[in-house]
Amino acid sequence: MSIVFRPVRPGDRPALLHLFKLSFGAEPSLDEWIWKYDRNPRRSISVGAFDGEKAVGFFGGIGTRYRGADGDLPGTSSVDVMTDPAVRSLGKQSFFKELGETYRRLNAEIGIPFDFGFPHERARKIEERLLGCVTIERAGQLARPVDGLGGRRGSGRLLRRARVDEPFGAAHRSLAEALHARAGWRTDRSDDVLGWRFSGRPSVSYRSVQLVGLGGGSLGYAVVRVTGDAALLVDLQLRNETSPALGDLLAEVGELARAAGSEIRTLRVRLPQGSPLAARLAGEFSFAPEESDTVFLVRSLFPEFDLLPAARHFDYRYADHDVF
């Protein structure tokens, strides 16, 4: 077996889908892969390990940009990490390290300072030990009953209009600029990225609410996905996180959740533990902490970047994890 580690190419797709089935024991969705890797308006480099034409390893990257008061940098989220069970006979640790190192090196060469992901416990241990990843925290998760949200609208609500399931366009752009200028870091919230993330995904349905002020600019938005008996606040962003607009958004989200069926009882949101928005949701809107089954994990791709301060002020959401 002679293995080559290299960037994946369009012609590799059949071999990679076969590897997915071998690794995860499930039939992959070609449409999902096209959406995730081909239609994303931001780019990073995914890496494969190949024995001839056969794919025996894959380290996927979903491109983004890291936006904040300190800069605008290319970024990537690590996803779909998998290996063929046959490579275990070669020494799985050295194989996985080389796969991860190739991914690190190639993405560093295009200017990406760090990558991030949300692995479960077993994967966390492997990635820390073999790739030098750093766990920042168990992913923050809050929940509350859907019932009761409708009565928590903010004062001055006649000055705000809700736009339900409308595309992210001109009204959103000034909000995106404000989010991208905020202290700390977050992934890109430009309208083209949100259009890709929430409007074109195959077999997944999202509902959205944008709250627009009298001047026509967005004051905030929420995106909801219903799964099982819960509504997930996949994304929640506000121009001013202390404003009454938060109550209006949550009330609209409650209406969307109830419209999805009487079995939808719980509203969940993911965001950093200890963030001001998490504190407000808990203190003012009766959200309670839940134990997440994933961690927020990062890895430096080049040493010049001061990783830990950036990672500790990274404002993540469910939307930053491709499974949601």
Protein backbone atom coordinates (compact mmCIF):
# COMPACT_ATOMS: atom_id res chain seq x y z
CA MET A 1 0.00 0.00 0.00
CA SER A 2 1.50 3.33 -1.16
CA ILE A 3 -0.47 6.26 0.29
CA VAL A 4 -0.44 9.81 -1.07
CA PHE A 5 -1.78 12.74 1.00
CA ARG A 6 -3.04 15.61 -1.16
CA PRO A 7 -5.87 18.14 -1.67
CA VAL A 8 -9.04 16.50 -2.92
CA ARG A 9 -10.17 17.06 -6.51
CA PRO A 10 -13.66 16.91 -8.09
CA GLY A 11 -12.92 13.50 -9.57
CA ASP A 12 -12.31 12.07 -6.09
CA ARG A 13 -15.97 12.39 -5.06
CA PRO A 14 -17.07 8.76 -5.79
CA ALA A 15 -14.11 7.36 -3.84
CA LEU A 16 -14.78 9.70 -0.91
CA LEU A 17 -18.47 8.80 -0.76
CA HIS A 18 -17.47 5.12 -0.69
CA LEU A 19 -15.07 5.89 2.18
CA PHE A 20 -17.88 7.66 4.04
CA LYS A 21 -20.03 4.53 3.86
CA LEU A 22 -17.11 2.36 5.05
CA SER A 23 -16.28 4.69 7.93
CA PHE A 24 -19.73 5.59 9.23
CA GLY A 25 -21.84 2.65 8.11
CA ALA A 26 -24.38 4.98 6.48
CA GLU A 27 -25.23 5.91 2.94
CA PRO A 28 -23.84 9.38 2.13
CA SER A 29 -25.89 12.07 0.43
CA LEU A 30 -24.29 13.33 -2.78
CA ASP A 31 -26.52 16.42 -2.69
CA GLU A 32 -25.35 17.22 0.85
CA TRP A 33 -21.70 16.96 -0.21
CA ILE A 34 -22.29 19.22 -3.22
CA TRP A 35 -23.97 21.78 -0.95
CA LYS A 36 -21.28 21.59 1.72
CA TYR A 37 -18.12 21.55 -0.39
CA ASP A 38 -19.05 22.98 -3.82
CA ARG A 39 -21.65 25.67 -3.20
CA ASN A 40 -20.15 27.33 -0.13
CA PRO A 41 -19.10 30.86 -1.19
CA ARG A 42 -16.05 30.67 1.12
CA ARG A 43 -13.20 28.26 0.48
CA SER A 44 -10.73 26.15 2.41
CA ILE A 45 -8.77 23.01 1.47
CA SER A 46 -10.01 19.49 2.16
CA VAL A 47 -7.39 16.74 2.18
CA GLY A 48 -7.57 13.09 1.22
CA ALA A 49 -5.31 10.08 1.62
CA PHE A 50 -5.26 7.85 -1.47
CA ASP A 51 -3.93 4.43 -2.29
CA GLY A 52 -4.06 4.67 -6.06
CA GLU A 53 -7.67 5.59 -6.88
CA LYS A 54 -8.97 4.38 -3.52
CA ALA A 55 -9.65 6.95 -0.78
CA VAL A 56 -8.45 5.68 2.60
CA GLY A 57 -8.66 8.93 4.60
CA PHE A 58 -10.34 12.34 4.50
CA PHE A 59 -10.09 15.58 6.48
CA GLY A 60 -12.84 17.94 5.31
CA GLY A 61 -12.87 21.71 5.66
CA ILE A 62 -15.83 24.08 5.44
CA GLY A 63 -14.51 27.48 4.49
CA THR A 64 -15.53 30.70 6.23
CA ARG A 65 -14.02 34.00 7.26
CA TYR A 66 -13.22 34.98 10.83
CA ARG A 67 -14.68 38.42 11.41
CA GLY A 68 -14.23 40.83 14.30
CA ALA A 69 -12.86 44.18 15.44
CA ASP A 70 -9.31 42.80 15.16
CA GLY A 71 -9.53 41.69 11.54
CA ASP A 72 -11.02 39.76 8.65
CA LEU A 73 -9.22 36.46 8.09
CA PRO A 74 -9.86 33.27 6.11
CA GLY A 75 -11.07 30.41 8.28
CA THR A 76 -12.20 26.81 8.25
CA SER A 77 -14.18 24.30 10.26
CA SER A 78 -12.98 20.68 10.32
CA VAL A 79 -15.67 18.15 9.37
CA ASP A 80 -16.18 14.63 8.01
CA VAL A 81 -12.87 13.34 9.40
CA MET A 82 -12.69 9.64 8.49
CA THR A 83 -10.36 6.76 7.78
CA ASP A 84 -10.68 3.36 6.12
CA PRO A 85 -10.56 0.60 8.77
CA ALA A 86 -7.89 -1.11 6.64
CA VAL A 87 -5.31 1.58 7.44
CA ARG A 88 -5.24 0.51 11.08
CA SER A 89 -2.83 -2.24 10.10
CA LEU A 90 -0.40 0.49 8.96
CA GLY A 91 -0.33 2.19 12.33
CA LYS A 92 -3.37 4.36 12.74
CA GLN A 93 -1.68 7.05 14.81
CA SER A 94 1.03 7.92 12.29
CA PHE A 95 -1.47 7.79 9.42
CA PHE A 96 -3.93 10.12 11.18
CA LYS A 97 -1.17 12.52 12.21
CA GLU A 98 0.07 12.82 8.63
CA LEU A 99 -3.47 13.31 7.34
CA GLY A 100 -4.08 16.07 9.88
CA GLU A 101 -0.67 17.66 9.33
CA THR A 102 -1.23 17.85 5.56
CA TYR A 103 -4.58 19.58 6.19
CA ARG A 104 -2.88 22.00 8.62
CA ARG A 105 -0.02 22.86 6.30
CA LEU A 106 -2.10 23.43 3.16
CA ASN A 107 -4.67 25.63 4.91
CA ALA A 108 -1.93 27.62 6.67
CA GLU A 109 -0.41 28.31 3.25
CA ILE A 110 -3.62 30.10 2.18
CA GLY A 111 -3.58 32.25 5.32
CA ILE A 112 -5.95 30.42 7.68
CA PRO A 113 -4.61 30.94 11.23
CA PHE A 114 -6.62 28.23 13.03
CA ASP A 115 -9.40 25.75 12.53
CA PHE A 116 -12.19 24.72 14.87
CA GLY A 117 -14.71 21.96 15.40
CA PHE A 118 -17.21 20.41 17.79
CA PRO A 119 -16.10 16.79 18.34
CA HIS A 120 -17.58 14.30 20.78
CA GLU A 121 -15.49 13.02 23.67
CA ARG A 122 -13.71 10.15 21.92
CA ALA A 123 -12.71 12.28 18.93
CA ARG A 124 -11.64 15.10 21.26
CA LYS A 125 -9.11 12.88 22.99
CA ILE A 126 -7.67 11.65 19.69
CA GLU A 127 -7.39 15.14 18.19
CA GLU A 128 -5.78 16.60 21.30
CA ARG A 129 -3.24 13.79 21.53
CA LEU A 130 -2.33 13.40 17.86
CA LEU A 131 -2.97 16.82 16.33
CA GLY A 132 -2.27 19.22 19.18
CA CYS A 133 -5.83 20.54 19.33
CA VAL A 134 -6.96 22.53 22.37
CA THR A 135 -10.36 22.25 24.04
CA ILE A 136 -11.72 25.66 25.01
CA GLU A 137 -14.91 24.54 26.75
CA ARG A 138 -17.78 22.11 26.61
CA ALA A 139 -20.08 23.65 24.02
CA GLY A 140 -22.49 26.01 25.76
CA GLN A 141 -26.12 24.93 25.50
CA LEU A 142 -29.26 26.49 27.01
CA ALA A 143 -32.90 25.42 26.82
CA ARG A 144 -36.36 26.48 27.92
CA PRO A 145 -39.97 25.48 27.19
CA VAL A 146 -41.54 26.90 24.05
CA ASP A 147 -44.67 27.79 26.01
CA GLY A 148 -44.58 31.29 27.41
CA LEU A 149 -42.29 32.89 24.85
CA GLY A 150 -45.09 34.87 23.20
CA GLY A 151 -45.63 37.08 26.25
CA ARG A 152 -42.04 38.36 26.40
CA ARG A 153 -42.01 40.94 23.64
CA GLY A 154 -39.89 44.02 24.22
CA SER A 155 -41.03 47.61 24.68
CA GLY A 156 -41.29 49.79 21.57
CA ARG A 157 -42.22 46.83 19.41
CA LEU A 158 -44.33 49.02 17.07
CA LEU A 159 -41.01 50.40 15.82
CA ARG A 160 -39.87 46.95 14.69
CA ARG A 161 -41.29 44.71 11.96
CA ALA A 162 -40.78 40.96 11.68
CA ARG A 163 -39.95 39.51 8.27
CA VAL A 164 -40.50 35.78 8.27
CA ASP A 165 -38.65 33.51 5.82
CA GLU A 166 -37.43 36.37 3.64
CA PRO A 167 -33.98 36.18 2.00
CA PHE A 168 -31.06 37.87 3.73
CA GLY A 169 -30.47 40.91 1.56
CA ALA A 170 -30.10 44.68 1.73
CA ALA A 171 -31.75 45.01 5.16
CA HIS A 172 -29.27 42.53 6.61
CA ARG A 173 -26.06 44.11 5.34
CA SER A 174 -25.73 46.87 7.93
CA LEU A 175 -26.31 44.28 10.68
CA ALA A 176 -23.58 42.06 9.21
CA GLU A 177 -21.20 45.04 9.23
CA ALA A 178 -22.00 45.69 12.90
CA LEU A 179 -21.49 42.03 13.83
CA HIS A 180 -18.21 41.87 11.92
CA ALA A 181 -16.93 44.98 13.74
CA ARG A 182 -17.77 43.65 17.22
CA ALA A 183 -15.05 42.70 19.69
CA GLY A 184 -13.97 39.06 19.57
CA TRP A 185 -14.29 36.72 16.60
CA ARG A 186 -17.13 34.93 14.81
CA THR A 187 -17.71 33.27 11.45
CA ASP A 188 -18.89 35.27 8.46
CA ARG A 189 -22.50 36.49 8.62
CA SER A 190 -22.57 38.12 5.15
CA ASP A 191 -25.84 37.74 3.25
CA ASP A 192 -24.36 35.44 0.60
CA VAL A 193 -23.09 33.07 3.30
CA LEU A 194 -26.42 33.02 5.14
CA GLY A 195 -28.24 32.43 1.85
CA TRP A 196 -26.05 29.39 1.19
CA ARG A 197 -26.25 28.10 4.77
CA PHE A 198 -29.99 28.37 5.32
CA SER A 199 -31.73 28.50 1.92
CA GLY A 200 -30.09 25.95 -0.33
CA ARG A 201 -29.39 22.94 1.87
CA PRO A 202 -30.95 19.72 0.52
CA SER A 203 -33.35 17.79 2.76
CA VAL A 204 -33.07 20.30 5.64
CA SER A 205 -35.65 23.00 6.31
CA TYR A 206 -34.98 26.21 8.24
CA ARG A 207 -37.33 29.02 9.27
CA SER A 208 -36.03 32.54 9.79
CA VAL A 209 -37.15 35.81 11.33
CA GLN A 210 -35.47 39.15 10.64
CA LEU A 211 -36.44 42.09 12.83
CA VAL A 212 -36.29 45.34 10.86
CA GLY A 213 -36.35 48.88 12.25
CA LEU A 214 -38.13 51.91 10.81
CA GLY A 215 -35.03 52.87 8.86
CA GLY A 216 -35.10 49.56 7.00
CA GLY A 217 -32.02 48.01 8.59
CA SER A 218 -32.07 44.70 10.43
CA LEU A 219 -31.90 44.83 14.23
CA GLY A 220 -31.39 41.10 14.56
CA TYR A 221 -32.39 37.71 13.24
CA ALA A 222 -33.09 34.17 14.35
CA VAL A 223 -32.95 30.90 12.37
CA VAL A 224 -34.83 27.83 13.60
CA ARG A 225 -34.61 24.14 12.74
CA VAL A 226 -37.11 21.66 14.15
CA THR A 227 -35.75 18.23 15.05
CA GLY A 228 -37.58 15.65 17.14
CA ASP A 229 -39.53 17.40 19.89
CA ALA A 230 -37.26 20.47 19.96
CA ALA A 231 -36.75 23.68 18.04
CA LEU A 232 -33.07 24.60 17.69
CA LEU A 233 -32.10 28.25 17.50
CA VAL A 234 -29.47 27.48 14.90
CA ASP A 235 -28.47 31.14 14.73
CA LEU A 236 -29.37 34.15 16.85
CA GLN A 237 -27.74 37.55 16.28
CA LEU A 238 -28.59 41.07 17.44
CA ARG A 239 -27.18 44.46 16.56
CA ASN A 240 -27.42 45.34 20.27
CA GLU A 241 -27.53 42.36 22.61
CA THR A 242 -29.04 44.46 25.42
CA SER A 243 -31.94 45.78 23.32
CA PRO A 244 -35.68 44.90 23.69
CA ALA A 245 -35.48 43.37 20.21
CA LEU A 246 -34.38 40.08 21.78
CA GLY A 247 -37.82 39.57 23.35
CA ASP A 248 -39.49 40.21 19.99
CA LEU A 249 -37.25 37.72 18.21
CA LEU A 250 -37.87 35.01 20.81
CA ALA A 251 -41.63 35.62 20.65
CA GLU A 252 -41.54 35.17 16.85
CA VAL A 253 -39.43 32.03 17.27
CA GLY A 254 -42.01 30.67 19.71
CA GLU A 255 -44.74 31.17 17.12
CA LEU A 256 -42.68 29.34 14.48
CA ALA A 257 -42.04 26.47 16.90
CA ARG A 258 -45.71 26.13 17.82
CA ALA A 259 -46.69 26.23 14.14
CA ALA A 260 -44.42 23.21 13.57
CA GLY A 261 -46.64 21.03 15.82
CA SER A 262 -47.83 20.51 19.35
CA GLU A 263 -45.01 18.02 19.99
CA ILE A 264 -42.41 20.82 19.84
CA ARG A 265 -41.92 21.58 23.53
CA THR A 266 -38.33 22.76 23.95
CA LEU A 267 -36.26 25.59 22.50
CA ARG A 268 -32.47 25.14 22.52
CA VAL A 269 -29.61 27.48 21.70
CA ARG A 270 -25.84 26.99 21.52
CA LEU A 271 -23.48 29.84 22.39
CA PRO A 272 -20.36 30.38 24.50
CA GLN A 273 -20.65 29.76 28.20
CA GLY A 274 -20.39 33.02 30.12
CA SER A 275 -21.14 35.24 27.12
CA PRO A 276 -23.31 38.33 27.76
CA LEU A 277 -26.08 36.96 25.54
CA ALA A 278 -26.07 33.63 27.39
CA ALA A 279 -26.34 35.49 30.70
CA ARG A 280 -29.29 37.53 29.43
CA LEU A 281 -31.11 34.49 28.06
CA ALA A 282 -30.71 32.76 31.41
CA GLY A 283 -31.53 35.74 33.61
CA GLU A 284 -34.31 37.44 31.66
CA PHE A 285 -35.83 34.68 29.54
CA SER A 286 -35.57 31.63 31.83
CA PHE A 287 -33.19 29.56 29.72
CA ALA A 288 -31.40 26.89 31.76
CA PRO A 289 -28.03 25.21 31.12
CA GLU A 290 -27.96 21.74 29.54
CA GLU A 291 -25.06 19.33 29.20
CA SER A 292 -23.79 19.29 25.62
CA ASP A 293 -22.33 16.14 24.07
CA THR A 294 -19.62 18.08 22.21
CA VAL A 295 -16.77 20.46 22.99
CA PHE A 296 -15.56 23.60 21.24
CA LEU A 297 -12.04 22.74 20.07
CA VAL A 298 -9.42 24.68 18.11
CA ARG A 299 -6.02 24.05 16.51
CA SER A 300 -3.35 26.53 15.55
CA LEU A 301 -2.40 26.31 11.87
CA PHE A 302 0.55 28.67 12.16
CA PRO A 303 2.34 29.76 15.34
CA GLU A 304 2.41 33.50 14.67
CA PHE A 305 -1.29 33.81 15.47
CA ASP A 306 -2.18 34.26 19.16
CA LEU A 307 -4.68 31.41 19.29
CA LEU A 308 -6.00 31.16 22.83
CA PRO A 309 -7.25 34.75 23.30
CA ALA A 310 -9.03 34.53 19.93
CA ALA A 311 -10.58 31.15 20.71
CA ARG A 312 -11.77 32.24 24.15
CA HIS A 313 -13.66 35.12 22.55
CA PHE A 314 -15.09 33.15 19.63
CA ASP A 315 -18.86 33.68 19.41
CA TYR A 316 -20.08 30.33 18.08
CA ARG A 317 -23.61 29.02 17.39
CA TYR A 318 -25.21 25.76 16.23
CA ALA A 319 -24.82 27.12 12.67
CA ASP A 320 -21.05 26.75 12.98
CA HIS A 321 -21.45 22.95 13.23
CA ASP A 322 -22.37 21.38 9.90
CA VAL A 323 -24.61 18.68 11.41
CA PHE A 324 -27.13 21.36 12.37
